[in-house]
Amino acid sequence: MRTWLDTLPPDQKANIVLFAMDMHRTFLNAVRNYPQLEHAVVVHAPFHIKLRFMAANPVRTSTGTARLLALGMQAPLRAAA
């Protein structure tokens, strides 16, 4: 990720406002520790949130979806902590 970020010109980095990404800490750290991207908001992609939830709660899809809804997974994403 860092290698790719290094290829972007400064004006493109300045125009990035949001990163939607995998929940892997390496990706988060790459963006958070990049000085020209301090302004960018990071959120986790809904697909990855649901994937992790389903892996931790192996149930039939319909039951899993009901659990996601009960936990408010349809709410807008918030910036990653």
PDB file of N, CA and C in Angstrom:
ATOM      1  N   MET A   1       0.831  -1.188   0.000  1.00  0.00           N
ATOM      2  CA  MET A   1       0.000   0.000   0.000  1.00  0.00           C
ATOM      3  C   MET A   1       0.875   1.251   0.000  1.00  0.00           C
ATOM      4  N   ARG A   2       1.887   1.233   0.832  1.00  0.00           N
ATOM      5  CA  ARG A   2       2.781   2.402   0.914  1.00  0.00           C
ATOM      6  C   ARG A   2       3.454   2.664  -0.433  1.00  0.00           C
ATOM      7  N   THR A   3       3.848   1.584  -1.102  1.00  0.00           N
ATOM      8  CA  THR A   3       4.493   1.722  -2.414  1.00  0.00           C
ATOM      9  C   THR A   3       3.542   2.398  -3.399  1.00  0.00           C
ATOM     10  N   TRP A   4       2.271   1.979  -3.377  1.00  0.00           N
ATOM     11  CA  TRP A   4       1.290   2.588  -4.270  1.00  0.00           C
ATOM     12  C   TRP A   4       1.065   4.050  -3.893  1.00  0.00           C
ATOM     13  N   LEU A   5       0.937   4.353  -2.616  1.00  0.00           N
ATOM     14  CA  LEU A   5       0.726   5.733  -2.180  1.00  0.00           C
ATOM     15  C   LEU A   5       1.874   6.632  -2.626  1.00  0.00           C
ATOM     16  N   ASP A   6       3.082   6.101  -2.601  1.00  0.00           N
ATOM     17  CA  ASP A   6       4.250   6.874  -3.033  1.00  0.00           C
ATOM     18  C   ASP A   6       4.182   7.266  -4.505  1.00  0.00           C
ATOM     19  N   THR A   7       3.415   6.526  -5.321  1.00  0.00           N
ATOM     20  CA  THR A   7       3.334   6.832  -6.758  1.00  0.00           C
ATOM     21  C   THR A   7       2.380   7.989  -7.055  1.00  0.00           C
ATOM     22  N   LEU A   8       1.534   8.346  -6.093  1.00  0.00           N
ATOM     23  CA  LEU A   8       0.553   9.414  -6.322  1.00  0.00           C
ATOM     24  C   LEU A   8       1.202  10.787  -6.204  1.00  0.00           C
ATOM     25  N   PRO A   9       0.894  11.683  -7.124  1.00  0.00           N
ATOM     26  CA  PRO A   9       1.413  13.051  -7.009  1.00  0.00           C
ATOM     27  C   PRO A   9       0.732  13.775  -5.840  1.00  0.00           C
ATOM     28  N   PRO A  10       1.367  14.805  -5.304  1.00  0.00           N
ATOM     29  CA  PRO A  10       0.834  15.528  -4.152  1.00  0.00           C
ATOM     30  C   PRO A  10      -0.602  16.033  -4.335  1.00  0.00           C
ATOM     31  N   ASP A  11      -0.955  16.495  -5.540  1.00  0.00           N
ATOM     32  CA  ASP A  11      -2.310  17.011  -5.732  1.00  0.00           C
ATOM     33  C   ASP A  11      -3.365  15.903  -5.619  1.00  0.00           C
ATOM     34  N   GLN A  12      -3.030  14.704  -6.054  1.00  0.00           N
ATOM     35  CA  GLN A  12      -3.979  13.594  -5.904  1.00  0.00           C
ATOM     36  C   GLN A  12      -4.130  13.208  -4.436  1.00  0.00           C
ATOM     37  N   LYS A  13      -3.031  13.187  -3.703  1.00  0.00           N
ATOM     38  CA  LYS A  13      -3.101  12.877  -2.272  1.00  0.00           C
ATOM     39  C   LYS A  13      -3.947  13.914  -1.540  1.00  0.00           C
ATOM     40  N   ALA A  14      -3.821  15.155  -1.931  1.00  0.00           N
ATOM     41  CA  ALA A  14      -4.584  16.229  -1.293  1.00  0.00           C
ATOM     42  C   ALA A  14      -6.080  16.097  -1.567  1.00  0.00           C
ATOM     43  N   ASN A  15      -6.448  15.487  -2.682  1.00  0.00           N
ATOM     44  CA  ASN A  15      -7.858  15.340  -3.053  1.00  0.00           C
ATOM     45  C   ASN A  15      -8.512  14.089  -2.488  1.00  0.00           C
ATOM     46  N   ILE A  16      -7.754  13.210  -1.857  1.00  0.00           N
ATOM     47  CA  ILE A  16      -8.341  12.017  -1.251  1.00  0.00           C
ATOM     48  C   ILE A  16      -9.054  12.437   0.028  1.00  0.00           C
ATOM     49  N   VAL A  17     -10.329  12.091   0.114  1.00  0.00           N
ATOM     50  CA  VAL A  17     -11.084  12.444   1.310  1.00  0.00           C
ATOM     51  C   VAL A  17     -11.489  11.218   2.124  1.00  0.00           C
ATOM     52  N   LEU A  18     -11.526  10.030   1.476  1.00  0.00           N
ATOM     53  CA  LEU A  18     -11.995   8.839   2.164  1.00  0.00           C
ATOM     54  C   LEU A  18     -11.317   7.587   1.601  1.00  0.00           C
ATOM     55  N   PHE A  19     -10.950   6.692   2.497  1.00  0.00           N
ATOM     56  CA  PHE A  19     -10.461   5.367   2.125  1.00  0.00           C
ATOM     57  C   PHE A  19     -11.437   4.348   2.697  1.00  0.00           C
ATOM     58  N   ALA A  20     -12.031   3.516   1.842  1.00  0.00           N
ATOM     59  CA  ALA A  20     -12.842   2.379   2.287  1.00  0.00           C
ATOM     60  C   ALA A  20     -11.970   1.156   2.063  1.00  0.00           C
ATOM     61  N   MET A  21     -11.715   0.410   3.135  1.00  0.00           N
ATOM     62  CA  MET A  21     -10.723  -0.652   3.014  1.00  0.00           C
ATOM     63  C   MET A  21     -11.060  -1.891   3.810  1.00  0.00           C
ATOM     64  N   ASP A  22     -10.272  -2.907   3.553  1.00  0.00           N
ATOM     65  CA  ASP A  22     -10.248  -4.148   4.299  1.00  0.00           C
ATOM     66  C   ASP A  22      -9.951  -3.793   5.757  1.00  0.00           C
ATOM     67  N   MET A  23     -10.277  -4.668   6.673  1.00  0.00           N
ATOM     68  CA  MET A  23     -10.056  -4.383   8.090  1.00  0.00           C
ATOM     69  C   MET A  23      -8.654  -4.755   8.572  1.00  0.00           C
ATOM     70  N   HIS A  24      -7.773  -5.093   7.661  1.00  0.00           N
ATOM     71  CA  HIS A  24      -6.415  -5.482   8.029  1.00  0.00           C
ATOM     72  C   HIS A  24      -5.643  -4.272   8.561  1.00  0.00           C
ATOM     73  N   ARG A  25      -5.036  -4.406   9.710  1.00  0.00           N
ATOM     74  CA  ARG A  25      -4.339  -3.302  10.382  1.00  0.00           C
ATOM     75  C   ARG A  25      -3.226  -2.702   9.515  1.00  0.00           C
ATOM     76  N   THR A  26      -2.597  -3.511   8.675  1.00  0.00           N
ATOM     77  CA  THR A  26      -1.512  -3.018   7.819  1.00  0.00           C
ATOM     78  C   THR A  26      -2.001  -1.923   6.879  1.00  0.00           C
ATOM     79  N   PHE A  27      -3.198  -2.109   6.289  1.00  0.00           N
ATOM     80  CA  PHE A  27      -3.749  -1.092   5.394  1.00  0.00           C
ATOM     81  C   PHE A  27      -4.067   0.191   6.167  1.00  0.00           C
ATOM     82  N   LEU A  28      -4.671   0.029   7.317  1.00  0.00           N
ATOM     83  CA  LEU A  28      -5.013   1.184   8.138  1.00  0.00           C
ATOM     84  C   LEU A  28      -3.760   1.968   8.527  1.00  0.00           C
ATOM     85  N   ASN A  29      -2.737   1.261   8.975  1.00  0.00           N
ATOM     86  CA  ASN A  29      -1.497   1.924   9.369  1.00  0.00           C
ATOM     87  C   ASN A  29      -0.823   2.626   8.196  1.00  0.00           C
ATOM     88  N   ALA A  30      -0.899   2.024   7.015  1.00  0.00           N
ATOM     89  CA  ALA A  30      -0.270   2.636   5.834  1.00  0.00           C
ATOM     90  C   ALA A  30      -0.861   4.011   5.561  1.00  0.00           C
ATOM     91  N   VAL A  31      -2.170   4.138   5.715  1.00  0.00           N
ATOM     92  CA  VAL A  31      -2.818   5.425   5.464  1.00  0.00           C
ATOM     93  C   VAL A  31      -2.633   6.363   6.651  1.00  0.00           C
ATOM     94  N   ARG A  32      -2.856   5.864   7.848  1.00  0.00           N
ATOM     95  CA  ARG A  32      -2.757   6.711   9.038  1.00  0.00           C
ATOM     96  C   ARG A  32      -1.354   7.278   9.253  1.00  0.00           C
ATOM     97  N   ASN A  33      -0.342   6.524   8.868  1.00  0.00           N
ATOM     98  CA  ASN A  33       1.043   6.960   9.100  1.00  0.00           C
ATOM     99  C   ASN A  33       1.644   7.686   7.905  1.00  0.00           C
ATOM    100  N   TYR A  34       0.836   8.024   6.937  1.00  0.00           N
ATOM    101  CA  TYR A  34       1.317   8.738   5.752  1.00  0.00           C
ATOM    102  C   TYR A  34       1.044  10.223   5.955  1.00  0.00           C
ATOM    103  N   PRO A  35       2.084  11.029   6.104  1.00  0.00           N
ATOM    104  CA  PRO A  35       1.903  12.447   6.462  1.00  0.00           C
ATOM    105  C   PRO A  35       0.957  13.244   5.558  1.00  0.00           C
ATOM    106  N   GLN A  36       0.987  12.999   4.245  1.00  0.00           N
ATOM    107  CA  GLN A  36       0.130  13.768   3.340  1.00  0.00           C
ATOM    108  C   GLN A  36      -1.321  13.284   3.328  1.00  0.00           C
ATOM    109  N   LEU A  37      -1.638  12.279   4.137  1.00  0.00           N
ATOM    110  CA  LEU A  37      -3.012  11.758   4.170  1.00  0.00           C
ATOM    111  C   LEU A  37      -3.660  11.901   5.540  1.00  0.00           C
ATOM    112  N   GLU A  38      -3.111  12.769   6.363  1.00  0.00           N
ATOM    113  CA  GLU A  38      -3.673  12.980   7.707  1.00  0.00           C
ATOM    114  C   GLU A  38      -5.116  13.450   7.656  1.00  0.00           C
ATOM    115  N   HIS A  39      -5.510  14.092   6.574  1.00  0.00           N
ATOM    116  CA  HIS A  39      -6.862  14.630   6.416  1.00  0.00           C
ATOM    117  C   HIS A  39      -7.882  13.568   5.993  1.00  0.00           C
ATOM    118  N   ALA A  40      -7.426  12.427   5.500  1.00  0.00           N
ATOM    119  CA  ALA A  40      -8.328  11.412   4.943  1.00  0.00           C
ATOM    120  C   ALA A  40      -9.039  10.608   6.039  1.00  0.00           C
ATOM    121  N   VAL A  41     -10.303  10.344   5.816  1.00  0.00           N
ATOM    122  CA  VAL A  41     -11.108   9.524   6.717  1.00  0.00           C
ATOM    123  C   VAL A  41     -10.995   8.076   6.256  1.00  0.00           C
ATOM    124  N   VAL A  42     -10.904   7.149   7.206  1.00  0.00           N
ATOM    125  CA  VAL A  42     -10.825   5.729   6.882  1.00  0.00           C
ATOM    126  C   VAL A  42     -12.061   5.029   7.421  1.00  0.00           C
ATOM    127  N   VAL A  43     -12.712   4.243   6.565  1.00  0.00           N
ATOM    128  CA  VAL A  43     -13.844   3.416   6.982  1.00  0.00           C
ATOM    129  C   VAL A  43     -13.575   1.993   6.519  1.00  0.00           C
ATOM    130  N   HIS A  44     -14.224   1.061   7.175  1.00  0.00           N
ATOM    131  CA  HIS A  44     -14.095  -0.336   6.778  1.00  0.00           C
ATOM    132  C   HIS A  44     -15.222  -0.669   5.809  1.00  0.00           C
ATOM    133  N   ALA A  45     -14.883  -1.370   4.754  1.00  0.00           N
ATOM    134  CA  ALA A  45     -15.866  -1.753   3.741  1.00  0.00           C
ATOM    135  C   ALA A  45     -16.923  -2.669   4.359  1.00  0.00           C
ATOM    136  N   PRO A  46     -18.212  -2.421   4.082  1.00  0.00           N
ATOM    137  CA  PRO A  46     -19.288  -3.246   4.652  1.00  0.00           C
ATOM    138  C   PRO A  46     -19.103  -4.738   4.386  1.00  0.00           C
ATOM    139  N   PHE A  47     -18.596  -5.086   3.215  1.00  0.00           N
ATOM    140  CA  PHE A  47     -18.380  -6.496   2.892  1.00  0.00           C
ATOM    141  C   PHE A  47     -17.491  -7.166   3.926  1.00  0.00           C
ATOM    142  N   HIS A  48     -16.409  -6.497   4.314  1.00  0.00           N
ATOM    143  CA  HIS A  48     -15.458  -7.079   5.253  1.00  0.00           C
ATOM    144  C   HIS A  48     -16.030  -7.155   6.669  1.00  0.00           C
ATOM    145  N   ILE A  49     -16.841  -6.189   7.030  1.00  0.00           N
ATOM    146  CA  ILE A  49     -17.492  -6.237   8.347  1.00  0.00           C
ATOM    147  C   ILE A  49     -18.417  -7.454   8.406  1.00  0.00           C
ATOM    148  N   LYS A  50     -19.236  -7.619   7.381  1.00  0.00           N
ATOM    149  CA  LYS A  50     -20.166  -8.751   7.349  1.00  0.00           C
ATOM    150  C   LYS A  50     -19.397 -10.072   7.288  1.00  0.00           C
ATOM    151  N   LEU A  51     -18.341 -10.139   6.504  1.00  0.00           N
ATOM    152  CA  LEU A  51     -17.545 -11.357   6.386  1.00  0.00           C
ATOM    153  C   LEU A  51     -16.985 -11.783   7.740  1.00  0.00           C
ATOM    154  N   ARG A  52     -16.431 -10.841   8.485  1.00  0.00           N
ATOM    155  CA  ARG A  52     -15.892 -11.161   9.814  1.00  0.00           C
ATOM    156  C   ARG A  52     -16.995 -11.578  10.781  1.00  0.00           C
ATOM    157  N   PHE A  53     -18.120 -10.892  10.716  1.00  0.00           N
ATOM    158  CA  PHE A  53     -19.236 -11.249  11.584  1.00  0.00           C
ATOM    159  C   PHE A  53     -19.709 -12.664  11.288  1.00  0.00           C
ATOM    160  N   MET A  54     -19.872 -12.974  10.006  1.00  0.00           N
ATOM    161  CA  MET A  54     -20.356 -14.300   9.631  1.00  0.00           C
ATOM    162  C   MET A  54     -19.343 -15.380  10.019  1.00  0.00           C
ATOM    163  N   ALA A  55     -18.067 -15.094   9.937  1.00  0.00           N
ATOM    164  CA  ALA A  55     -17.048 -16.070  10.340  1.00  0.00           C
ATOM    165  C   ALA A  55     -17.103 -16.327  11.842  1.00  0.00           C
ATOM    166  N   ALA A  56     -17.406 -15.292  12.603  1.00  0.00           N
ATOM    167  CA  ALA A  56     -17.481 -15.433  14.057  1.00  0.00           C
ATOM    168  C   ALA A  56     -18.808 -16.022  14.522  1.00  0.00           C
ATOM    169  N   ASN A  57     -19.806 -15.977  13.673  1.00  0.00           N
ATOM    170  CA  ASN A  57     -21.151 -16.465  14.007  1.00  0.00           C
ATOM    171  C   ASN A  57     -21.646 -17.381  12.899  1.00  0.00           C
ATOM    172  N   PRO A  58     -21.096 -18.596  12.811  1.00  0.00           N
ATOM    173  CA  PRO A  58     -21.471 -19.483  11.702  1.00  0.00           C
ATOM    174  C   PRO A  58     -22.912 -19.986  11.838  1.00  0.00           C
ATOM    175  N   VAL A  59     -23.809 -19.299  11.172  1.00  0.00           N
ATOM    176  CA  VAL A  59     -25.229 -19.651  11.178  1.00  0.00           C
ATOM    177  C   VAL A  59     -25.753 -19.575   9.747  1.00  0.00           C
ATOM    178  N   ARG A  60     -26.987 -20.029   9.550  1.00  0.00           N
ATOM    179  CA  ARG A  60     -27.577 -19.890   8.219  1.00  0.00           C
ATOM    180  C   ARG A  60     -27.627 -18.416   7.833  1.00  0.00           C
ATOM    181  N   THR A  61     -27.535 -18.151   6.552  1.00  0.00           N
ATOM    182  CA  THR A  61     -27.482 -16.781   6.048  1.00  0.00           C
ATOM    183  C   THR A  61     -28.645 -15.923   6.540  1.00  0.00           C
ATOM    184  N   SER A  62     -29.871 -16.441   6.501  1.00  0.00           N
ATOM    185  CA  SER A  62     -31.013 -15.622   6.904  1.00  0.00           C
ATOM    186  C   SER A  62     -30.916 -15.236   8.384  1.00  0.00           C
ATOM    187  N   THR A  63     -30.474 -16.172   9.225  1.00  0.00           N
ATOM    188  CA  THR A  63     -30.310 -15.878  10.649  1.00  0.00           C
ATOM    189  C   THR A  63     -29.172 -14.880  10.849  1.00  0.00           C
ATOM    190  N   GLY A  64     -28.090 -15.073  10.104  1.00  0.00           N
ATOM    191  CA  GLY A  64     -26.953 -14.157  10.204  1.00  0.00           C
ATOM    192  C   GLY A  64     -27.327 -12.754   9.786  1.00  0.00           C
ATOM    193  N   THR A  65     -28.118 -12.638   8.734  1.00  0.00           N
ATOM    194  CA  THR A  65     -28.564 -11.320   8.282  1.00  0.00           C
ATOM    195  C   THR A  65     -29.446 -10.671   9.338  1.00  0.00           C
ATOM    196  N   ALA A  66     -30.325 -11.457   9.962  1.00  0.00           N
ATOM    197  CA  ALA A  66     -31.175 -10.917  11.030  1.00  0.00           C
ATOM    198  C   ALA A  66     -30.320 -10.403  12.182  1.00  0.00           C
ATOM    199  N   ARG A  67     -29.253 -11.144  12.506  1.00  0.00           N
ATOM    200  CA  ARG A  67     -28.364 -10.690  13.583  1.00  0.00           C
ATOM    201  C   ARG A  67     -27.657  -9.393  13.201  1.00  0.00           C
ATOM    202  N   LEU A  68     -27.213  -9.303  11.951  1.00  0.00           N
ATOM    203  CA  LEU A  68     -26.567  -8.071  11.498  1.00  0.00           C
ATOM    204  C   LEU A  68     -27.509  -6.881  11.630  1.00  0.00           C
ATOM    205  N   LEU A  69     -28.751  -7.070  11.208  1.00  0.00           N
ATOM    206  CA  LEU A  69     -29.723  -5.992  11.301  1.00  0.00           C
ATOM    207  C   LEU A  69     -29.974  -5.615  12.752  1.00  0.00           C
ATOM    208  N   ALA A  70     -30.049  -6.619  13.629  1.00  0.00           N
ATOM    209  CA  ALA A  70     -30.272  -6.359  15.051  1.00  0.00           C
ATOM    210  C   ALA A  70     -29.126  -5.563  15.660  1.00  0.00           C
ATOM    211  N   LEU A  71     -27.926  -5.756  15.123  1.00  0.00           N
ATOM    212  CA  LEU A  71     -26.761  -5.028  15.628  1.00  0.00           C
ATOM    213  C   LEU A  71     -26.585  -3.678  14.959  1.00  0.00           C
ATOM    214  N   GLY A  72     -27.490  -3.337  14.061  1.00  0.00           N
ATOM    215  CA  GLY A  72     -27.416  -2.031  13.409  1.00  0.00           C
ATOM    216  C   GLY A  72     -26.400  -1.958  12.302  1.00  0.00           C
ATOM    217  N   MET A  73     -26.093  -3.074  11.652  1.00  0.00           N
ATOM    218  CA  MET A  73     -25.079  -3.075  10.604  1.00  0.00           C
ATOM    219  C   MET A  73     -25.521  -2.308   9.359  1.00  0.00           C
ATOM    220  N   GLN A  74     -26.783  -1.909   9.291  1.00  0.00           N
ATOM    221  CA  GLN A  74     -27.250  -1.123   8.160  1.00  0.00           C
ATOM    222  C   GLN A  74     -26.987   0.370   8.374  1.00  0.00           C
ATOM    223  N   ALA A  75     -26.557   0.727   9.569  1.00  0.00           N
ATOM    224  CA  ALA A  75     -26.287   2.135   9.867  1.00  0.00           C
ATOM    225  C   ALA A  75     -25.094   2.616   9.048  1.00  0.00           C
ATOM    226  N   PRO A  76     -24.998   3.901   8.767  1.00  0.00           N
ATOM    227  CA  PRO A  76     -23.860   4.427   8.025  1.00  0.00           C
ATOM    228  C   PRO A  76     -22.550   4.077   8.729  1.00  0.00           C
ATOM    229  N   LEU A  77     -21.529   3.848   7.945  1.00  0.00           N
ATOM    230  CA  LEU A  77     -20.224   3.505   8.515  1.00  0.00           C
ATOM    231  C   LEU A  77     -19.625   4.713   9.212  1.00  0.00           C
ATOM    232  N   ARG A  78     -18.889   4.452  10.245  1.00  0.00           N
ATOM    233  CA  ARG A  78     -18.178   5.510  10.959  1.00  0.00           C
ATOM    234  C   ARG A  78     -16.692   5.371  10.686  1.00  0.00           C
ATOM    235  N   ALA A  79     -15.965   6.421  10.901  1.00  0.00           N
ATOM    236  CA  ALA A  79     -14.511   6.383  10.695  1.00  0.00           C
ATOM    237  C   ALA A  79     -13.884   5.334  11.598  1.00  0.00           C
ATOM    238  N   ALA A  80     -12.888   4.647  11.091  1.00  0.00           N
ATOM    239  CA  ALA A  80     -12.190   3.618  11.862  1.00  0.00           C
ATOM    240  C   ALA A  80     -11.441   4.258  13.018  1.00  0.00           C
ATOM    241  N   ALA A  81     -11.403   3.560  14.128  1.00  0.00           N
ATOM    242  CA  ALA A  81     -10.714   4.076  15.316  1.00  0.00           C
ATOM    243  C   ALA A  81      -9.233   3.827  15.247  1.00  0.00           C
TER     244      ALA A  81
END
